[in-house]
Amino acid sequence: ADDSVNYRFADLELCVHNSVWPALFNVYAIRVEEYRDP
């Protein structure tokens, strides 16, 4: 999604994100989406 945001809590040395998934990233999802430019 083009509205994705990653967050960093520096004091906790923590990043909460939507960038690294538990599987190969879907450049193309068969449900049909706008182009996800690598």
Full PDB file with SEQRES, HELIX, SHEET, SSBOND, CRYST1, ORIGX, SCALE, CONECT and MASTER records, all heavy atoms in Angstrom:
SEQRES   1 A   38  ALA ASP ASP SER VAL ASN TYR ARG PHE ALA ASP LEU GLU          
SEQRES   2 A   38  LEU CYS VAL HIS ASN SER VAL TRP PRO ALA LEU PHE ASN          
SEQRES   3 A   38  VAL TYR ALA ILE ARG VAL GLU GLU TYR ARG ASP PRO              
HELIX    1 AA1 ALA A   10  LEU A   12  5                                   3    
SHEET    1 AA1 2 TYR A   7  PHE A   9  0                                        
SHEET    2 AA1 2 LEU A  14  VAL A  16 -1                                        
CRYST1    1.000    1.000    1.000  90.00  90.00  90.00 P 1           1          
ORIGX1      1.000000  0.000000  0.000000        0.00000                         
ORIGX2      0.000000  1.000000  0.000000        0.00000                         
ORIGX3      0.000000  0.000000  1.000000        0.00000                         
SCALE1      1.000000  0.000000  0.000000        0.00000                         
SCALE2      0.000000  1.000000  0.000000        0.00000                         
SCALE3      0.000000  0.000000  1.000000        0.00000                         
ATOM      1  N   ALA A   1       0.863  -1.173   0.000  1.00  0.00           N  
ATOM      2  CA  ALA A   1       0.000   0.000   0.000  1.00  0.00           C  
ATOM      3  C   ALA A   1       0.905   1.230   0.000  1.00  0.00           C  
ATOM      4  O   ALA A   1       1.953   1.233   0.650  1.00  0.00           O  
ATOM      5  CB  ALA A   1      -0.904   0.002   1.232  1.00  0.00           C  
ATOM      6  N   ASP A   2       0.475   2.268  -0.716  1.00  0.00           N  
ATOM      7  CA  ASP A   2       1.325   3.456  -0.795  1.00  0.00           C  
ATOM      8  C   ASP A   2       1.241   4.323   0.450  1.00  0.00           C  
ATOM      9  O   ASP A   2       1.897   5.364   0.533  1.00  0.00           O  
ATOM     10  CB  ASP A   2       1.010   4.285  -2.045  1.00  0.00           C  
ATOM     11  CG  ASP A   2      -0.430   4.792  -2.076  1.00  0.00           C  
ATOM     12  OD1 ASP A   2      -1.149   4.653  -1.066  1.00  0.00           O  
ATOM     13  OD2 ASP A   2      -0.837   5.329  -3.135  1.00  0.00           O  
ATOM     14  N   ASP A   3       0.432   3.886   1.440  1.00  0.00           N  
ATOM     15  CA  ASP A   3       0.337   4.616   2.700  1.00  0.00           C  
ATOM     16  C   ASP A   3       1.081   3.898   3.835  1.00  0.00           C  
ATOM     17  O   ASP A   3       0.865   4.204   5.009  1.00  0.00           O  
ATOM     18  CB  ASP A   3      -1.126   4.838   3.082  1.00  0.00           C  
ATOM     19  CG  ASP A   3      -1.927   3.530   3.162  1.00  0.00           C  
ATOM     20  OD1 ASP A   3      -1.326   2.464   3.361  1.00  0.00           O  
ATOM     21  OD2 ASP A   3      -3.168   3.584   3.013  1.00  0.00           O  
ATOM     22  N   SER A   4       1.948   2.957   3.502  1.00  0.00           N  
ATOM     23  CA  SER A   4       2.675   2.207   4.530  1.00  0.00           C  
ATOM     24  C   SER A   4       3.682   3.104   5.258  1.00  0.00           C  
ATOM     25  O   SER A   4       4.383   3.900   4.635  1.00  0.00           O  
ATOM     26  CB  SER A   4       3.421   1.024   3.916  1.00  0.00           C  
ATOM     27  OG  SER A   4       2.530  -0.010   3.583  1.00  0.00           O  
ATOM     28  N   VAL A   5       3.742   2.906   6.561  1.00  0.00           N  
ATOM     29  CA  VAL A   5       4.670   3.656   7.411  1.00  0.00           C  
ATOM     30  C   VAL A   5       5.369   2.677   8.346  1.00  0.00           C  
ATOM     31  O   VAL A   5       4.741   1.773   8.894  1.00  0.00           O  
ATOM     32  CB  VAL A   5       3.919   4.727   8.238  1.00  0.00           C  
ATOM     33  CG1 VAL A   5       4.828   5.344   9.288  1.00  0.00           C  
ATOM     34  CG2 VAL A   5       3.367   5.816   7.321  1.00  0.00           C  
ATOM     35  N   ASN A   6       6.672   2.843   8.504  1.00  0.00           N  
ATOM     36  CA  ASN A   6       7.445   2.098   9.496  1.00  0.00           C  
ATOM     37  C   ASN A   6       7.733   2.992  10.687  1.00  0.00           C  
ATOM     38  O   ASN A   6       7.934   4.211  10.525  1.00  0.00           O  
ATOM     39  CB  ASN A   6       8.755   1.583   8.892  1.00  0.00           C  
ATOM     40  CG  ASN A   6       8.527   0.542   7.818  1.00  0.00           C  
ATOM     41  OD1 ASN A   6       7.470  -0.083   7.764  1.00  0.00           O  
ATOM     42  ND2 ASN A   6       9.513   0.337   6.962  1.00  0.00           N  
ATOM     43  N   TYR A   7       7.776   2.383  11.887  1.00  0.00           N  
ATOM     44  CA  TYR A   7       7.951   3.143  13.118  1.00  0.00           C  
ATOM     45  C   TYR A   7       9.178   2.646  13.880  1.00  0.00           C  
ATOM     46  O   TYR A   7       9.450   1.443  13.919  1.00  0.00           O  
ATOM     47  CB  TYR A   7       6.720   2.998  14.016  1.00  0.00           C  
ATOM     48  CG  TYR A   7       5.445   3.517  13.398  1.00  0.00           C  
ATOM     49  CD1 TYR A   7       4.526   2.646  12.803  1.00  0.00           C  
ATOM     50  CD2 TYR A   7       5.145   4.871  13.405  1.00  0.00           C  
ATOM     51  CE1 TYR A   7       3.355   3.110  12.237  1.00  0.00           C  
ATOM     52  CE2 TYR A   7       3.966   5.348  12.838  1.00  0.00           C  
ATOM     53  CZ  TYR A   7       3.079   4.470  12.249  1.00  0.00           C  
ATOM     54  OH  TYR A   7       1.925   4.931  11.681  1.00  0.00           O  
ATOM     55  N   ARG A   8       9.864   3.567  14.514  1.00  0.00           N  
ATOM     56  CA  ARG A   8      11.035   3.234  15.324  1.00  0.00           C  
ATOM     57  C   ARG A   8      10.877   3.810  16.725  1.00  0.00           C  
ATOM     58  O   ARG A   8      10.648   5.004  16.892  1.00  0.00           O  
ATOM     59  CB  ARG A   8      12.299   3.798  14.678  1.00  0.00           C  
ATOM     60  CG  ARG A   8      13.579   3.502  15.456  1.00  0.00           C  
ATOM     61  CD  ARG A   8      14.732   4.293  14.899  1.00  0.00           C  
ATOM     62  NE  ARG A   8      16.005   3.981  15.531  1.00  0.00           N  
ATOM     63  CZ  ARG A   8      17.007   4.861  15.656  1.00  0.00           C  
ATOM     64  NH1 ARG A   8      16.868   6.095  15.197  1.00  0.00           N  
ATOM     65  NH2 ARG A   8      18.127   4.503  16.227  1.00  0.00           N  
ATOM     66  N   PHE A   9      10.991   2.929  17.715  1.00  0.00           N  
ATOM     67  CA  PHE A   9      11.055   3.331  19.120  1.00  0.00           C  
ATOM     68  C   PHE A   9      12.518   3.200  19.525  1.00  0.00           C  
ATOM     69  O   PHE A   9      12.978   2.119  19.924  1.00  0.00           O  
ATOM     70  CB  PHE A   9      10.163   2.440  19.978  1.00  0.00           C  
ATOM     71  CG  PHE A   9       8.695   2.529  19.667  1.00  0.00           C  
ATOM     72  CD1 PHE A   9       8.159   1.887  18.553  1.00  0.00           C  
ATOM     73  CD2 PHE A   9       7.842   3.251  20.487  1.00  0.00           C  
ATOM     74  CE1 PHE A   9       6.799   1.954  18.261  1.00  0.00           C  
ATOM     75  CE2 PHE A   9       6.476   3.330  20.207  1.00  0.00           C  
ATOM     76  CZ  PHE A   9       5.960   2.687  19.088  1.00  0.00           C  
ATOM     77  N   ALA A  10      13.250   4.285  19.404  1.00  0.00           N  
ATOM     78  CA  ALA A  10      14.705   4.229  19.576  1.00  0.00           C  
ATOM     79  C   ALA A  10      15.099   3.754  20.972  1.00  0.00           C  
ATOM     80  O   ALA A  10      16.045   2.970  21.134  1.00  0.00           O  
ATOM     81  CB  ALA A  10      15.326   5.595  19.287  1.00  0.00           C  
ATOM     82  N   ASP A  11      14.371   4.200  22.003  1.00  0.00           N  
ATOM     83  CA  ASP A  11      14.727   3.808  23.375  1.00  0.00           C  
ATOM     84  C   ASP A  11      14.573   2.307  23.600  1.00  0.00           C  
ATOM     85  O   ASP A  11      15.231   1.732  24.478  1.00  0.00           O  
ATOM     86  CB  ASP A  11      13.851   4.558  24.377  1.00  0.00           C  
ATOM     87  CG  ASP A  11      14.185   6.043  24.442  1.00  0.00           C  
ATOM     88  OD1 ASP A  11      15.243   6.431  23.896  1.00  0.00           O  
ATOM     89  OD2 ASP A  11      13.384   6.812  25.011  1.00  0.00           O  
ATOM     90  N   LEU A  12      13.718   1.665  22.810  1.00  0.00           N  
ATOM     91  CA  LEU A  12      13.497   0.219  22.928  1.00  0.00           C  
ATOM     92  C   LEU A  12      14.277  -0.564  21.880  1.00  0.00           C  
ATOM     93  O   LEU A  12      14.191  -1.794  21.848  1.00  0.00           O  
ATOM     94  CB  LEU A  12      12.001  -0.095  22.790  1.00  0.00           C  
ATOM     95  CG  LEU A  12      11.076   0.552  23.821  1.00  0.00           C  
ATOM     96  CD1 LEU A  12       9.621   0.245  23.492  1.00  0.00           C  
ATOM     97  CD2 LEU A  12      11.423   0.068  25.226  1.00  0.00           C  
ATOM     98  N   GLU A  13      15.008   0.146  21.009  1.00  0.00           N  
ATOM     99  CA  GLU A  13      15.752  -0.467  19.901  1.00  0.00           C  
ATOM    100  C   GLU A  13      14.820  -1.336  19.039  1.00  0.00           C  
ATOM    101  O   GLU A  13      15.173  -2.416  18.578  1.00  0.00           O  
ATOM    102  CB  GLU A  13      16.930  -1.300  20.418  1.00  0.00           C  
ATOM    103  CG  GLU A  13      17.943  -0.465  21.193  1.00  0.00           C  
ATOM    104  CD  GLU A  13      19.156  -1.268  21.610  1.00  0.00           C  
ATOM    105  OE1 GLU A  13      19.007  -2.137  22.495  1.00  0.00           O  
ATOM    106  OE2 GLU A  13      20.246  -1.049  21.066  1.00  0.00           O  
ATOM    107  N   LEU A  14      13.616  -0.793  18.808  1.00  0.00           N  
ATOM    108  CA  LEU A  14      12.525  -1.536  18.183  1.00  0.00           C  
ATOM    109  C   LEU A  14      12.070  -0.852  16.907  1.00  0.00           C  
ATOM    110  O   LEU A  14      11.907   0.373  16.870  1.00  0.00           O  
ATOM    111  CB  LEU A  14      11.349  -1.621  19.169  1.00  0.00           C  
ATOM    112  CG  LEU A  14      10.000  -2.091  18.633  1.00  0.00           C  
ATOM    113  CD1 LEU A  14      10.042  -3.570  18.303  1.00  0.00           C  
ATOM    114  CD2 LEU A  14       8.889  -1.783  19.665  1.00  0.00           C  
ATOM    115  N   CYS A  15      11.808  -1.654  15.878  1.00  0.00           N  
ATOM    116  CA  CYS A  15      11.162  -1.184  14.663  1.00  0.00           C  
ATOM    117  C   CYS A  15       9.911  -2.019  14.422  1.00  0.00           C  
ATOM    118  O   CYS A  15       9.965  -3.247  14.439  1.00  0.00           O  
ATOM    119  CB  CYS A  15      12.108  -1.302  13.457  1.00  0.00           C  
ATOM    120  SG  CYS A  15      11.307  -1.001  11.858  1.00  0.00           S  
ATOM    121  N   VAL A  16       8.772  -1.338  14.221  1.00  0.00           N  
ATOM    122  CA  VAL A  16       7.523  -1.998  13.839  1.00  0.00           C  
ATOM    123  C   VAL A  16       7.225  -1.557  12.415  1.00  0.00           C  
ATOM    124  O   VAL A  16       7.224  -0.361  12.114  1.00  0.00           O  
ATOM    125  CB  VAL A  16       6.368  -1.634  14.786  1.00  0.00           C  
ATOM    126  CG1 VAL A  16       5.101  -2.388  14.400  1.00  0.00           C  
ATOM    127  CG2 VAL A  16       6.750  -1.954  16.234  1.00  0.00           C  
ATOM    128  N   HIS A  17       6.941  -2.502  11.521  1.00  0.00           N  
ATOM    129  CA  HIS A  17       7.044  -2.217  10.090  1.00  0.00           C  
ATOM    130  C   HIS A  17       6.051  -3.040   9.268  1.00  0.00           C  
ATOM    131  O   HIS A  17       5.409  -3.964   9.769  1.00  0.00           O  
ATOM    132  CB  HIS A  17       8.452  -2.557   9.614  1.00  0.00           C  
ATOM    133  CG  HIS A  17       8.718  -4.033   9.703  1.00  0.00           C  
ATOM    134  ND1 HIS A  17       8.530  -4.893   8.648  1.00  0.00           N  
ATOM    135  CD2 HIS A  17       9.107  -4.815  10.749  1.00  0.00           C  
ATOM    136  CE1 HIS A  17       8.804  -6.130   9.024  1.00  0.00           C  
ATOM    137  NE2 HIS A  17       9.151  -6.119  10.293  1.00  0.00           N  
ATOM    138  N   ASN A  18       6.012  -2.714   7.973  1.00  0.00           N  
ATOM    139  CA  ASN A  18       5.271  -3.506   6.993  1.00  0.00           C  
ATOM    140  C   ASN A  18       6.180  -3.821   5.804  1.00  0.00           C  
ATOM    141  O   ASN A  18       5.711  -3.959   4.683  1.00  0.00           O  
ATOM    142  CB  ASN A  18       4.026  -2.745   6.519  1.00  0.00           C  
ATOM    143  CG  ASN A  18       3.183  -3.529   5.530  1.00  0.00           C  
ATOM    144  OD1 ASN A  18       3.003  -4.737   5.686  1.00  0.00           O  
ATOM    145  ND2 ASN A  18       2.687  -2.874   4.497  1.00  0.00           N  
ATOM    146  N   SER A  19       7.467  -3.944   6.028  1.00  0.00           N  
ATOM    147  CA  SER A  19       8.435  -4.064   4.928  1.00  0.00           C  
ATOM    148  C   SER A  19       9.002  -5.458   4.724  1.00  0.00           C  
ATOM    149  O   SER A  19       9.389  -5.803   3.616  1.00  0.00           O  
ATOM    150  CB  SER A  19       9.600  -3.082   5.146  1.00  0.00           C  
ATOM    151  OG  SER A  19       9.188  -1.751   4.952  1.00  0.00           O  
ATOM    152  N   VAL A  20       9.098  -6.259   5.762  1.00  0.00           N  
ATOM    153  CA  VAL A  20       9.680  -7.603   5.671  1.00  0.00           C  
ATOM    154  C   VAL A  20       8.612  -8.590   6.116  1.00  0.00           C  
ATOM    155  O   VAL A  20       8.222  -8.606   7.282  1.00  0.00           O  
ATOM    156  CB  VAL A  20      10.946  -7.738   6.549  1.00  0.00           C  
ATOM    157  CG1 VAL A  20      11.506  -9.146   6.475  1.00  0.00           C  
ATOM    158  CG2 VAL A  20      12.003  -6.721   6.117  1.00  0.00           C  
ATOM    159  N   TRP A  21       8.144  -9.389   5.174  1.00  0.00           N  
ATOM    160  CA  TRP A  21       7.043 -10.316   5.433  1.00  0.00           C  
ATOM    161  C   TRP A  21       7.552 -11.727   5.737  1.00  0.00           C  
ATOM    162  O   TRP A  21       8.719 -12.036   5.487  1.00  0.00           O  
ATOM    163  CB  TRP A  21       6.134 -10.381   4.207  1.00  0.00           C  
ATOM    164  CG  TRP A  21       5.310  -9.166   3.964  1.00  0.00           C  
ATOM    165  CD1 TRP A  21       5.243  -8.039   4.730  1.00  0.00           C  
ATOM    166  CD2 TRP A  21       4.428  -8.952   2.855  1.00  0.00           C  
ATOM    167  NE1 TRP A  21       4.359  -7.142   4.171  1.00  0.00           N  
ATOM    168  CE2 TRP A  21       3.847  -7.677   3.021  1.00  0.00           C  
ATOM    169  CE3 TRP A  21       4.076  -9.723   1.752  1.00  0.00           C  
ATOM    170  CZ2 TRP A  21       2.934  -7.154   2.115  1.00  0.00           C  
ATOM    171  CZ3 TRP A  21       3.157  -9.208   0.856  1.00  0.00           C  
ATOM    172  CH2 TRP A  21       2.594  -7.935   1.033  1.00  0.00           C  
ATOM    173  N   PRO A  22       6.676 -12.634   6.230  1.00  0.00           N  
ATOM    174  CA  PRO A  22       7.082 -14.021   6.474  1.00  0.00           C  
ATOM    175  C   PRO A  22       7.025 -14.877   5.213  1.00  0.00           C  
ATOM    176  O   PRO A  22       6.812 -16.086   5.285  1.00  0.00           O  
ATOM    177  CB  PRO A  22       6.058 -14.490   7.511  1.00  0.00           C  
ATOM    178  CG  PRO A  22       4.829 -13.731   7.172  1.00  0.00           C  
ATOM    179  CD  PRO A  22       5.319 -12.368   6.741  1.00  0.00           C  
ATOM    180  N   ALA A  23       7.210 -14.259   4.059  1.00  0.00           N  
ATOM    181  CA  ALA A  23       7.251 -14.944   2.764  1.00  0.00           C  
ATOM    182  C   ALA A  23       7.748 -13.935   1.741  1.00  0.00           C  
ATOM    183  O   ALA A  23       7.749 -12.721   2.001  1.00  0.00           O  
ATOM    184  CB  ALA A  23       5.864 -15.458   2.363  1.00  0.00           C  
ATOM    185  N   LEU A  24       8.174 -14.437   0.583  1.00  0.00           N  
ATOM    186  CA  LEU A  24       8.630 -13.555  -0.486  1.00  0.00           C  
ATOM    187  C   LEU A  24       7.595 -12.466  -0.752  1.00  0.00           C  
ATOM    188  O   LEU A  24       6.412 -12.743  -0.867  1.00  0.00           O  
ATOM    189  CB  LEU A  24       8.867 -14.367  -1.765  1.00  0.00           C  
ATOM    190  CG  LEU A  24       9.265 -13.567  -3.015  1.00  0.00           C  
ATOM    191  CD1 LEU A  24      10.655 -12.977  -2.846  1.00  0.00           C  
ATOM    192  CD2 LEU A  24       9.197 -14.457  -4.255  1.00  0.00           C  
ATOM    193  N   PHE A  25       8.057 -11.228  -0.860  1.00  0.00           N  
ATOM    194  CA  PHE A  25       7.139 -10.119  -1.056  1.00  0.00           C  
ATOM    195  C   PHE A  25       6.377 -10.251  -2.374  1.00  0.00           C  
ATOM    196  O   PHE A  25       6.931 -10.630  -3.402  1.00  0.00           O  
ATOM    197  CB  PHE A  25       7.877  -8.778  -1.049  1.00  0.00           C  
ATOM    198  CG  PHE A  25       6.949  -7.624  -1.304  1.00  0.00           C  
ATOM    199  CD1 PHE A  25       6.047  -7.236  -0.334  1.00  0.00           C  
ATOM    200  CD2 PHE A  25       6.940  -6.981  -2.526  1.00  0.00           C  
ATOM    201  CE1 PHE A  25       5.147  -6.204  -0.575  1.00  0.00           C  
ATOM    202  CE2 PHE A  25       6.058  -5.946  -2.774  1.00  0.00           C  
ATOM    203  CZ  PHE A  25       5.171  -5.553  -1.796  1.00  0.00           C  
ATOM    204  N   ASN A  26       5.091  -9.908  -2.329  1.00  0.00           N  
ATOM    205  CA  ASN A  26       4.241  -9.931  -3.513  1.00  0.00           C  
ATOM    206  C   ASN A  26       4.400  -8.638  -4.300  1.00  0.00           C  
ATOM    207  O   ASN A  26       3.710  -7.655  -4.022  1.00  0.00           O  
ATOM    208  CB  ASN A  26       2.773 -10.099  -3.112  1.00  0.00           C  
ATOM    209  CG  ASN A  26       2.289 -11.519  -3.249  1.00  0.00           C  
ATOM    210  OD1 ASN A  26       3.074 -12.424  -3.502  1.00  0.00           O  
ATOM    211  ND2 ASN A  26       1.005 -11.721  -3.079  1.00  0.00           N  
ATOM    212  N   VAL A  27       5.295  -8.635  -5.283  1.00  0.00           N  
ATOM    213  CA  VAL A  27       5.315  -7.512  -6.215  1.00  0.00           C  
ATOM    214  C   VAL A  27       3.973  -7.452  -6.940  1.00  0.00           C  
ATOM    215  O   VAL A  27       3.463  -6.383  -7.252  1.00  0.00           O  
ATOM    216  CB  VAL A  27       6.478  -7.659  -7.217  1.00  0.00           C  
ATOM    217  CG1 VAL A  27       6.445  -6.546  -8.263  1.00  0.00           C  
ATOM    218  CG2 VAL A  27       7.820  -7.652  -6.488  1.00  0.00           C  
ATOM    219  N   TYR A  28       3.391  -8.627  -7.178  1.00  0.00           N  
ATOM    220  CA  TYR A  28       2.065  -8.684  -7.794  1.00  0.00           C  
ATOM    221  C   TYR A  28       1.173  -9.631  -7.007  1.00  0.00           C  
ATOM    222  O   TYR A  28       1.497 -10.807  -6.837  1.00  0.00           O  
ATOM    223  CB  TYR A  28       2.148  -9.159  -9.242  1.00  0.00           C  
ATOM    224  CG  TYR A  28       0.792  -9.201  -9.902  1.00  0.00           C  
ATOM    225  CD1 TYR A  28       0.131  -8.017 -10.198  1.00  0.00           C  
ATOM    226  CD2 TYR A  28       0.156 -10.400 -10.183  1.00  0.00           C  
ATOM    227  CE1 TYR A  28      -1.134  -8.035 -10.771  1.00  0.00           C  
ATOM    228  CE2 TYR A  28      -1.100 -10.429 -10.774  1.00  0.00           C  
ATOM    229  CZ  TYR A  28      -1.739  -9.234 -11.063  1.00  0.00           C  
ATOM    230  OH  TYR A  28      -2.982  -9.250 -11.621  1.00  0.00           O  
ATOM    231  N   ALA A  29       0.049  -9.100  -6.522  1.00  0.00           N  
ATOM    232  CA  ALA A  29      -0.948  -9.923  -5.844  1.00  0.00           C  
ATOM    233  C   ALA A  29      -2.068 -10.227  -6.829  1.00  0.00           C  
ATOM    234  O   ALA A  29      -2.579  -9.310  -7.485  1.00  0.00           O  
ATOM    235  CB  ALA A  29      -1.509  -9.183  -4.633  1.00  0.00           C  
ATOM    236  N   ILE A  30      -2.471 -11.483  -6.942  1.00  0.00           N  
ATOM    237  CA  ILE A  30      -3.453 -11.848  -7.963  1.00  0.00           C  
ATOM    238  C   ILE A  30      -4.847 -11.309  -7.676  1.00  0.00           C  
ATOM    239  O   ILE A  30      -5.740 -11.446  -8.513  1.00  0.00           O  
ATOM    240  CB  ILE A  30      -3.519 -13.381  -8.174  1.00  0.00           C  
ATOM    241  CG1 ILE A  30      -3.977 -14.093  -6.893  1.00  0.00           C  
ATOM    242  CG2 ILE A  30      -2.192 -13.913  -8.663  1.00  0.00           C  
ATOM    243  CD1 ILE A  30      -4.292 -15.563  -7.107  1.00  0.00           C  
ATOM    244  N   ARG A  31      -5.061 -10.668  -6.520  1.00  0.00           N  
ATOM    245  CA  ARG A  31      -6.355 -10.008  -6.313  1.00  0.00           C  
ATOM    246  C   ARG A  31      -6.446  -8.740  -7.154  1.00  0.00           C  
ATOM    247  O   ARG A  31      -7.507  -8.129  -7.251  1.00  0.00           O  
ATOM    248  CB  ARG A  31      -6.568  -9.678  -4.833  1.00  0.00           C  
ATOM    249  CG  ARG A  31      -5.642  -8.604  -4.278  1.00  0.00           C  
ATOM    250  CD  ARG A  31      -6.027  -8.287  -2.845  1.00  0.00           C  
ATOM    251  NE  ARG A  31      -5.175  -7.281  -2.226  1.00  0.00           N  
ATOM    252  CZ  ARG A  31      -4.106  -7.565  -1.497  1.00  0.00           C  
ATOM    253  NH1 ARG A  31      -3.762  -8.830  -1.297  1.00  0.00           N  
ATOM    254  NH2 ARG A  31      -3.380  -6.610  -0.956  1.00  0.00           N  
ATOM    255  N   VAL A  32      -5.342  -8.335  -7.753  1.00  0.00           N  
ATOM    256  CA  VAL A  32      -5.189  -7.163  -8.616  1.00  0.00           C  
ATOM    257  C   VAL A  32      -5.011  -5.913  -7.759  1.00  0.00           C  
ATOM    258  O   VAL A  32      -5.881  -5.540  -6.981  1.00  0.00           O  
ATOM    259  CB  VAL A  32      -6.375  -6.968  -9.592  1.00  0.00           C  
ATOM    260  CG1 VAL A  32      -6.123  -5.764 -10.490  1.00  0.00           C  
ATOM    261  CG2 VAL A  32      -6.582  -8.222 -10.429  1.00  0.00           C  
ATOM    262  N   GLU A  33      -3.862  -5.300  -7.903  1.00  0.00           N  
ATOM    263  CA  GLU A  33      -3.528  -4.082  -7.184  1.00  0.00           C  
ATOM    264  C   GLU A  33      -2.744  -3.162  -8.108  1.00  0.00           C  
ATOM    265  O   GLU A  33      -2.314  -3.563  -9.188  1.00  0.00           O  
ATOM    266  CB  GLU A  33      -2.680  -4.406  -5.938  1.00  0.00           C  
ATOM    267  CG  GLU A  33      -3.488  -4.854  -4.726  1.00  0.00           C  
ATOM    268  CD  GLU A  33      -4.136  -3.698  -3.996  1.00  0.00           C  
ATOM    269  OE1 GLU A  33      -4.045  -2.544  -4.490  1.00  0.00           O  
ATOM    270  OE2 GLU A  33      -4.736  -3.928  -2.931  1.00  0.00           O  
ATOM    271  N   GLU A  34      -2.570  -1.934  -7.657  1.00  0.00           N  
ATOM    272  CA  GLU A  34      -1.730  -1.005  -8.390  1.00  0.00           C  
ATOM    273  C   GLU A  34      -0.278  -1.493  -8.369  1.00  0.00           C  
ATOM    274  O   GLU A  34       0.121  -2.272  -7.500  1.00  0.00           O  
ATOM    275  CB  GLU A  34      -1.847   0.395  -7.789  1.00  0.00           C  
ATOM    276  CG  GLU A  34      -3.245   0.980  -7.929  1.00  0.00           C  
ATOM    277  CD  GLU A  34      -3.395   2.329  -7.247  1.00  0.00           C  
ATOM    278  OE1 GLU A  34      -2.525   2.663  -6.417  1.00  0.00           O  
ATOM    279  OE2 GLU A  34      -4.370   3.042  -7.537  1.00  0.00           O  
ATOM    280  N   TYR A  35       0.508  -1.021  -9.334  1.00  0.00           N  
ATOM    281  CA  TYR A  35       1.888  -1.480  -9.490  1.00  0.00           C  
ATOM    282  C   TYR A  35       2.717  -1.179  -8.239  1.00  0.00           C  
ATOM    283  O   TYR A  35       2.727  -0.047  -7.748  1.00  0.00           O  
ATOM    284  CB  TYR A  35       2.509  -0.804 -10.705  1.00  0.00           C  
ATOM    285  CG  TYR A  35       3.955  -1.193 -10.975  1.00  0.00           C  
ATOM    286  CD1 TYR A  35       4.356  -2.516 -10.931  1.00  0.00           C  
ATOM    287  CD2 TYR A  35       4.899  -0.228 -11.284  1.00  0.00           C  
ATOM    288  CE1 TYR A  35       5.663  -2.879 -11.191  1.00  0.00           C  
ATOM    289  CE2 TYR A  35       6.216  -0.579 -11.556  1.00  0.00           C  
ATOM    290  CZ  TYR A  35       6.598  -1.900 -11.507  1.00  0.00           C  
ATOM    291  OH  TYR A  35       7.887  -2.255 -11.763  1.00  0.00           O  
ATOM    292  N   ARG A  36       3.382  -2.195  -7.742  1.00  0.00           N  
ATOM    293  CA  ARG A  36       4.277  -2.061  -6.603  1.00  0.00           C  
ATOM    294  C   ARG A  36       5.709  -2.015  -7.134  1.00  0.00           C  
ATOM    295  O   ARG A  36       6.341  -3.045  -7.330  1.00  0.00           O  
ATOM    296  CB  ARG A  36       4.086  -3.232  -5.640  1.00  0.00           C  
ATOM    297  CG  ARG A  36       2.643  -3.383  -5.158  1.00  0.00           C  
ATOM    298  CD  ARG A  36       2.427  -4.676  -4.388  1.00  0.00           C  
ATOM    299  NE  ARG A  36       1.049  -4.789  -3.902  1.00  0.00           N  
ATOM    300  CZ  ARG A  36       0.586  -5.816  -3.206  1.00  0.00           C  
ATOM    301  NH1 ARG A  36       1.396  -6.829  -2.924  1.00  0.00           N  
ATOM    302  NH2 ARG A  36      -0.668  -5.852  -2.800  1.00  0.00           N  
ATOM    303  N   ASP A  37       6.197  -0.842  -7.378  1.00  0.00           N  
ATOM    304  CA  ASP A  37       7.493  -0.642  -8.023  1.00  0.00           C  
ATOM    305  C   ASP A  37       8.618  -1.065  -7.080  1.00  0.00           C  
ATOM    306  O   ASP A  37       8.783  -0.465  -6.009  1.00  0.00           O  
ATOM    307  CB  ASP A  37       7.638   0.828  -8.395  1.00  0.00           C  
ATOM    308  CG  ASP A  37       8.837   1.102  -9.296  1.00  0.00           C  
ATOM    309  OD1 ASP A  37       9.812   0.322  -9.256  1.00  0.00           O  
ATOM    310  OD2 ASP A  37       8.791   2.095 -10.032  1.00  0.00           O  
ATOM    311  N   PRO A  38       9.413  -2.089  -7.452  1.00  0.00           N  
ATOM    312  CA  PRO A  38      10.490  -2.518  -6.556  1.00  0.00           C  
ATOM    313  C   PRO A  38      11.458  -1.410  -6.189  1.00  0.00           C  
ATOM    314  O   PRO A  38      12.010  -1.400  -5.080  1.00  0.00           O  
ATOM    315  CB  PRO A  38      11.196  -3.620  -7.364  1.00  0.00           C  
ATOM    316  CG  PRO A  38      10.121  -4.170  -8.237  1.00  0.00           C  
ATOM    317  CD  PRO A  38       9.283  -2.982  -8.618  1.00  0.00           C  
TER     318      PRO A  38                                                      
MASTER        0    0    0    1    2    0    0    6  317    1    0    3          
END                                                                             
